[in-house]
């Protein structure tokens, strides 16, 4: 199983590497007010992907906090102890 995971990671790496090698030509992104940015296409595509990940994660944070607060209110016995050595020991054995 460990070798299968490494094989999958290697396949993903080589796919992204081939994508980067095939998209080395310059591309221009035109912003508002005549501003433009010229960079290799692979940087523009990967930068846009990374920006989408960040925007999606930031968009999920308020709902995550809301669900976490609701869970805390409905199950107060599962509150983590803030003092060392106080409260019940964890049940997961770590």
Foldseek 3Di string as FASTA:
>chain_A
DVVVVVVVVVVVVVVLVVVCVVQQDWDWDADPPRDIDIGTPSCVVVVVVVVVVVVVVVVCVVVVVVVVVVVCVVCVLPDDDPDPPDDDDDPVPD
